[in-house]
Protein backbone atom coordinates (compact mmCIF):
# COMPACT_ATOMS: atom_id res chain seq x y z
CA UNK A 1 8.47 9.91 -46.71
CA UNK A 2 6.57 10.24 -43.62
CA UNK A 3 3.50 11.83 -45.06
CA UNK A 4 2.65 15.04 -47.14
CA UNK A 5 2.29 18.24 -45.45
CA UNK A 6 0.37 21.44 -47.02
CA UNK A 7 1.85 24.68 -45.23
CA UNK A 8 -0.55 27.38 -46.08
CA UNK A 9 1.30 30.73 -45.21
CA UNK A 10 1.68 34.43 -46.39
CA UNK A 11 4.47 35.32 -44.38
CA UNK A 12 7.80 33.99 -46.37
CA UNK A 13 9.99 33.61 -43.21
CA UNK A 14 7.54 31.18 -41.61
CA UNK A 15 6.89 29.34 -44.84
CA UNK A 16 10.57 28.53 -45.21
CA UNK A 17 11.40 27.72 -41.72
CA UNK A 18 8.26 25.30 -41.61
CA UNK A 19 9.45 23.92 -45.33
CA UNK A 20 13.06 23.31 -44.28
CA UNK A 21 12.18 21.65 -40.68
CA UNK A 22 9.37 19.32 -42.50
CA UNK A 23 11.66 18.38 -45.06
CA UNK A 24 14.52 17.42 -42.39
CA UNK A 25 11.91 15.13 -40.75
CA UNK A 26 11.38 13.29 -43.77
CA UNK A 27 7.81 14.89 -44.84
CA UNK A 28 6.85 15.89 -48.70
CA UNK A 29 5.99 19.76 -48.48
CA UNK A 30 3.32 21.23 -50.51
CA UNK A 31 3.11 25.28 -50.53
CA UNK A 32 0.18 27.38 -50.77
CA UNK A 33 0.12 31.24 -50.71
CA UNK A 34 -3.00 32.20 -49.33
CA UNK A 35 -6.33 30.26 -48.78
CA UNK A 36 -7.41 29.95 -52.24
CA UNK A 37 -4.36 28.26 -53.68
CA UNK A 38 -4.69 26.18 -50.37
CA UNK A 39 -8.21 24.92 -51.11
CA UNK A 40 -7.40 24.02 -54.65
CA UNK A 41 -4.03 21.88 -53.56
CA UNK A 42 -6.28 20.11 -50.86
CA UNK A 43 -8.76 19.05 -53.33
CA UNK A 44 -6.59 18.02 -55.98
CA UNK A 45 -3.39 16.86 -54.04
CA UNK A 46 -4.90 15.37 -50.88
CA UNK A 47 -2.21 16.40 -48.04
CA UNK A 48 -2.11 13.74 -45.01
CA UNK A 49 -2.43 17.17 -42.88
CA UNK A 50 -2.55 20.96 -43.45
CA UNK A 51 -0.70 23.32 -41.04
CA UNK A 52 -2.13 26.77 -41.74
CA UNK A 53 -1.61 30.47 -40.69
CA UNK A 54 -4.81 32.20 -39.24
CA UNK A 55 -4.37 35.56 -40.12
CA UNK A 56 -3.89 36.00 -44.20
CA UNK A 57 -5.17 38.65 -46.39
CA UNK A 58 -8.63 38.14 -48.38
CA UNK A 59 -9.70 34.75 -46.96
CA UNK A 60 -8.13 34.00 -43.47
CA UNK A 61 -7.32 30.79 -41.99
CA UNK A 62 -10.62 30.41 -39.99
CA UNK A 63 -12.52 30.85 -43.28
CA UNK A 64 -10.25 28.33 -44.97
CA UNK A 65 -10.82 25.56 -42.19
CA UNK A 66 -14.58 25.95 -42.40
CA UNK A 67 -14.58 25.61 -46.17
CA UNK A 68 -12.50 22.19 -46.06
CA UNK A 69 -15.02 21.08 -43.42
CA UNK A 70 -17.99 21.84 -45.63
CA UNK A 71 -16.71 19.81 -48.24
CA UNK A 72 -17.23 16.05 -48.15
CA UNK A 73 -14.43 14.63 -50.38
CA UNK A 74 -11.71 16.72 -47.97
CA UNK A 75 -13.41 17.37 -44.60
CA UNK A 76 -11.44 14.75 -42.87
CA UNK A 77 -7.71 15.97 -43.46
CA UNK A 78 -6.54 16.90 -40.11
CA UNK A 79 -5.68 20.81 -39.92
CA UNK A 80 -3.23 22.42 -37.16
CA UNK A 81 -3.06 26.33 -37.09
CA UNK A 82 0.73 27.93 -36.75
CA UNK A 83 0.09 31.12 -35.30
CA UNK A 84 1.55 34.28 -33.43
CA UNK A 85 -1.65 34.74 -31.76
CA UNK A 86 -2.23 34.06 -28.18
CA UNK A 87 -4.76 31.43 -28.72
CA UNK A 88 -8.14 33.58 -27.49
CA UNK A 89 -11.17 34.43 -29.54
CA UNK A 90 -9.42 33.91 -33.06
CA UNK A 91 -8.15 30.22 -31.82
CA UNK A 92 -11.76 29.64 -30.27
CA UNK A 93 -13.29 30.70 -33.94
CA UNK A 94 -10.57 28.25 -35.76
CA UNK A 95 -11.82 25.14 -33.04
CA UNK A 96 -15.36 26.11 -33.41
CA UNK A 97 -15.22 25.28 -37.34
CA UNK A 98 -13.03 22.29 -36.92
CA UNK A 99 -9.11 22.85 -36.34
CA UNK A 100 -7.73 19.93 -34.88
CA UNK A 101 -5.20 21.98 -32.63
CA UNK A 102 -2.07 24.78 -32.72
CA UNK A 103 1.42 25.38 -32.82
CA UNK A 104 2.66 28.90 -31.65
CA UNK A 105 5.05 31.15 -33.63
CA UNK A 106 8.10 31.05 -33.27
CA UNK A 107 8.64 27.25 -32.84
CA UNK A 108 11.87 25.10 -32.98
CA UNK A 109 12.14 22.79 -35.95
CA UNK A 110 12.77 19.81 -34.05
CA UNK A 111 9.43 20.57 -32.24
CA UNK A 112 7.18 21.14 -35.30
CA UNK A 113 8.80 17.80 -36.64
CA UNK A 114 8.13 15.88 -33.49
CA UNK A 115 4.76 17.21 -32.99
CA UNK A 116 3.23 16.76 -36.80
CA UNK A 117 4.86 13.11 -36.62
CA UNK A 118 2.74 12.59 -33.42
CA UNK A 119 -0.23 14.10 -34.65
CA UNK A 120 -0.14 11.92 -37.91
CA UNK A 121 0.61 8.64 -35.88
CA UNK A 122 -2.27 9.53 -33.60
CA UNK A 123 -4.69 10.22 -36.00
CA UNK A 124 -5.38 6.69 -37.18
CA UNK A 125 -5.85 5.27 -33.81
CA UNK A 126 -8.00 7.72 -31.99
CA UNK A 127 -11.40 9.61 -32.57
CA UNK A 128 -11.55 13.33 -32.70
CA UNK A 129 -10.63 15.10 -29.52
CA UNK A 130 -11.80 18.61 -28.61
CA UNK A 131 -9.58 21.27 -29.68
CA UNK A 132 -7.97 21.88 -26.10
CA UNK A 133 -6.80 18.04 -25.37
CA UNK A 134 -4.63 18.03 -28.38
CA UNK A 135 -1.03 17.65 -28.08
CA UNK A 136 0.24 20.27 -30.34
CA UNK A 137 0.46 22.98 -27.73
CA UNK A 138 4.09 24.73 -27.58
CA UNK A 139 6.49 23.22 -25.54
CA UNK A 140 9.89 25.07 -26.71
CA UNK A 141 12.07 27.37 -24.74
CA UNK A 142 9.92 30.48 -24.37
CA UNK A 143 11.10 34.12 -25.99
CA UNK A 144 11.70 36.46 -23.25
CA UNK A 145 9.15 38.95 -22.72
CA UNK A 146 9.71 42.32 -24.87
CA UNK A 147 10.82 45.29 -23.09
CA UNK A 148 7.90 48.34 -22.96
CA UNK A 149 8.46 50.83 -25.91
CA UNK A 150 7.85 53.94 -24.60
CA UNK A 151 9.73 56.36 -27.27
CA UNK A 152 12.81 56.84 -29.09
CA UNK A 153 15.07 56.37 -25.58
CA UNK A 154 13.44 52.84 -25.40
CA UNK A 155 14.93 51.44 -28.30
CA UNK A 156 17.75 49.16 -27.39
CA UNK A 157 21.39 50.42 -27.26
CA UNK A 158 24.74 49.04 -27.46
CA UNK A 159 24.79 47.49 -23.96
CA UNK A 160 21.66 45.27 -24.56
CA UNK A 161 22.30 43.90 -27.73
CA UNK A 162 20.25 40.81 -26.77
CA UNK A 163 17.00 43.02 -27.11
CA UNK A 164 18.12 43.77 -30.81
CA UNK A 165 18.88 40.21 -31.46
CA UNK A 166 19.31 37.57 -29.67
CA UNK A 167 21.85 35.24 -31.60
CA UNK A 168 21.54 32.22 -29.45
CA UNK A 169 17.99 32.20 -29.35
CA UNK A 170 17.44 32.76 -32.96
CA UNK A 171 20.19 29.58 -33.86
CA UNK A 172 17.74 27.57 -31.89
CA UNK A 173 15.04 28.38 -33.78
CA UNK A 174 16.91 27.20 -37.21
CA UNK A 175 18.40 24.20 -35.02
CA UNK A 176 21.93 25.57 -35.37
CA UNK A 177 21.91 25.43 -39.52
CA UNK A 178 23.61 28.31 -40.74
CA UNK A 179 22.59 27.99 -44.16
CA UNK A 180 19.08 28.16 -43.02
CA UNK A 181 19.88 31.17 -40.71
CA UNK A 182 21.13 32.82 -43.78
CA UNK A 183 18.34 32.09 -45.95
CA UNK A 184 15.87 33.23 -43.36
CA UNK A 185 17.42 36.30 -43.05
CA UNK A 186 17.29 37.02 -46.72
CA UNK A 187 13.75 36.20 -46.90
CA UNK A 188 13.15 38.53 -43.94
CA UNK A 189 15.11 41.65 -45.17
CA UNK A 190 13.97 41.25 -48.66
CA UNK A 191 10.27 41.54 -47.55
CA UNK A 192 11.03 44.41 -45.00
CA UNK A 193 10.31 47.38 -47.39
CA UNK A 194 6.95 45.94 -48.37
CA UNK A 195 5.83 45.25 -45.13
CA UNK A 196 6.73 48.64 -43.78
CA UNK A 197 5.09 50.61 -46.89
CA UNK A 198 1.88 48.74 -46.02
CA UNK A 199 2.24 49.90 -42.42
CA UNK A 200 3.02 53.53 -43.36
CA UNK A 201 0.00 53.68 -45.89
CA UNK A 202 -2.31 52.23 -43.17
CA UNK A 203 -1.17 55.14 -40.83
CA UNK A 204 -1.44 57.71 -43.58
CA UNK A 205 -5.21 56.72 -44.63
CA UNK A 206 -6.22 55.96 -40.77
CA UNK A 207 -7.14 52.36 -41.72
CA UNK A 208 -6.96 50.43 -38.54
CA UNK A 209 -7.92 47.00 -39.79
CA UNK A 210 -5.13 47.19 -42.58
CA UNK A 211 -2.57 48.58 -39.90
CA UNK A 212 -3.50 45.33 -37.61
CA UNK A 213 -2.77 42.85 -40.35
CA UNK A 214 0.41 44.39 -41.55
CA UNK A 215 1.83 44.71 -38.14
CA UNK A 216 0.76 41.42 -37.04
CA UNK A 217 2.48 39.68 -40.47
CA UNK A 218 5.55 41.24 -39.64
CA UNK A 219 5.57 40.82 -35.83
CA UNK A 220 5.27 36.92 -36.76
CA UNK A 221 8.09 36.76 -39.20
CA UNK A 222 10.54 39.06 -36.81
CA UNK A 223 9.52 36.89 -33.84
CA UNK A 224 11.86 34.21 -35.15
CA UNK A 225 14.68 36.55 -35.13
CA UNK A 226 14.59 36.99 -30.98
CA UNK A 227 14.35 40.66 -31.54
CA UNK A 228 11.95 41.66 -28.37
CA UNK A 229 12.43 45.54 -29.06
CA UNK A 230 10.97 45.35 -32.71
CA UNK A 231 8.47 43.07 -31.62
CA UNK A 232 7.38 45.38 -28.84
CA UNK A 233 6.88 48.33 -31.17
CA UNK A 234 4.92 46.21 -33.37
CA UNK A 235 2.75 44.81 -30.72
CA UNK A 236 1.90 48.35 -29.91
CA UNK A 237 0.87 49.22 -33.35
CA UNK A 238 -1.10 46.03 -33.88
CA UNK A 239 -3.23 46.93 -30.39
CA UNK A 240 -3.70 50.20 -31.92
CA UNK A 241 -5.13 48.63 -35.02
CA UNK A 242 -7.09 46.42 -32.89
CA UNK A 243 -8.61 49.23 -31.00
CA UNK A 244 -9.16 51.65 -33.61
CA UNK A 245 -7.49 54.48 -32.17
CA UNK A 246 -4.52 55.62 -34.29
CA UNK A 247 -3.35 58.52 -31.88
CA UNK A 248 0.67 58.51 -31.85
CA UNK A 249 0.74 55.68 -34.47
CA UNK A 250 3.34 57.56 -36.45
CA UNK A 251 5.79 57.97 -33.39
CA UNK A 252 5.38 54.15 -32.77
CA UNK A 253 6.09 53.83 -36.21
CA UNK A 254 9.20 55.64 -36.09
CA UNK A 255 10.38 53.44 -32.89
CA UNK A 256 9.57 50.15 -35.00
CA UNK A 257 11.43 51.46 -38.08
CA UNK A 258 14.62 52.65 -35.82
CA UNK A 259 14.56 48.97 -34.14
CA UNK A 260 14.37 47.36 -37.42
CA UNK A 261 17.31 48.97 -38.77
CA UNK A 262 19.02 48.16 -35.64
CA UNK A 263 17.71 44.70 -36.13
CA UNK A 264 19.02 44.49 -40.06
CA UNK A 265 22.65 45.90 -38.86
CA UNK A 266 22.99 42.89 -36.53
CA UNK A 267 21.70 40.42 -39.11
CA UNK A 268 24.03 42.11 -41.54
CA UNK A 269 27.27 41.55 -38.89
CA UNK A 270 25.58 37.85 -38.10
CA UNK A 271 25.80 37.07 -42.04
CA UNK A 272 29.38 38.52 -42.42
CA UNK A 273 30.74 36.51 -39.57
CA UNK A 274 29.09 32.96 -40.77
CA UNK A 275 29.03 33.86 -44.73
CA UNK A 276 32.39 32.53 -45.47
CA UNK A 277 31.30 28.91 -44.53
CA UNK A 278 30.54 26.64 -47.50
CA UNK A 279 27.11 25.09 -46.94
CA UNK A 280 25.30 23.13 -49.47
CA UNK A 281 22.08 24.69 -50.13
CA UNK A 282 19.06 22.97 -48.27
CA UNK A 283 15.98 21.42 -50.04
CA UNK A 284 15.44 19.85 -53.36
CA UNK A 285 14.39 22.77 -55.54
CA UNK A 286 16.50 23.42 -58.73
CA UNK A 287 16.73 26.80 -58.31
CA UNK A 288 17.75 26.86 -54.27
CA UNK A 289 21.18 27.48 -54.69
CA UNK A 290 20.59 31.22 -57.14
CA UNK A 291 17.96 31.84 -54.68
CA UNK A 292 20.06 31.41 -51.76
CA UNK A 293 22.62 33.64 -53.43
CA UNK A 294 20.04 36.31 -54.30
CA UNK A 295 18.79 36.15 -50.41
CA UNK A 296 22.23 36.70 -49.18
CA UNK A 297 22.76 39.51 -51.76
CA UNK A 298 19.40 41.34 -50.38
CA UNK A 299 20.80 40.94 -46.53
CA UNK A 300 23.96 42.86 -47.40
CA UNK A 301 22.63 45.30 -49.84
CA UNK A 302 19.23 46.63 -47.98
CA UNK A 303 18.82 50.13 -46.79
CA UNK A 304 15.75 50.56 -45.12
CA UNK A 305 13.52 53.31 -46.26
CA UNK A 306 13.27 56.32 -43.92
CA UNK A 307 9.70 57.75 -43.51
CA UNK A 308 9.50 61.59 -43.88
């Protein structure tokens, strides 16, 4: 093994892709779903490095980093943020409490493997550096900027299918691994009903902070599927949540739901095209094969709940 890595995530898509990439790179992977679970596992299992999301419910990644740095027994463990945020105020806050660097979502698996390996090799030979001097900045192929979403007419049509789902870009994010691609799709599709319900409830209750959190999580997951129309609608809702002004949020939610319905249709078509291939399940869990079957079934059977 090249090292023991703890992944801290509340997004199941990012968790699955990070875990598979690191296993392919020869790393031992530990999983934590939230900050409280992470703090316990850092204390008990002593990972060589922590990869943490910054936006998590209850206790966020910045608070987790601060708690680790304040504990003499675990304070020296390297911590890298994996985040879909632009590295602005929340990134600076993470750096201020002791984050060593960051990787942006979406990432290419081979880039994640390389950067984690380089960081682990480097940490034994060099003193701690200021945050912005670290080598873990995103270097992979950039995702095209999402188009503006101004209403129902802006949702992608048949002639611009890459704004719904760019297959080539998605396959890059899974390094061409069709089994991993199908598993990631299954995880996303299974999570969508709950994600959309959280967004609807936040809009109905005019809870801007809950809306921002729910949409940010969805946006981070969808980014791996190279679906800029969905990301654009999600970003508009996230900015509304950030500003506290939810005027027109219901209309933008409708745009988001329509774009997601088209994305799910495109993902179903993709799975039907590649699903006949006999590919061995990835990873070492005993229940990996049944889980993969359930996830694939979710892709074929999901019907998005329409808000009325």
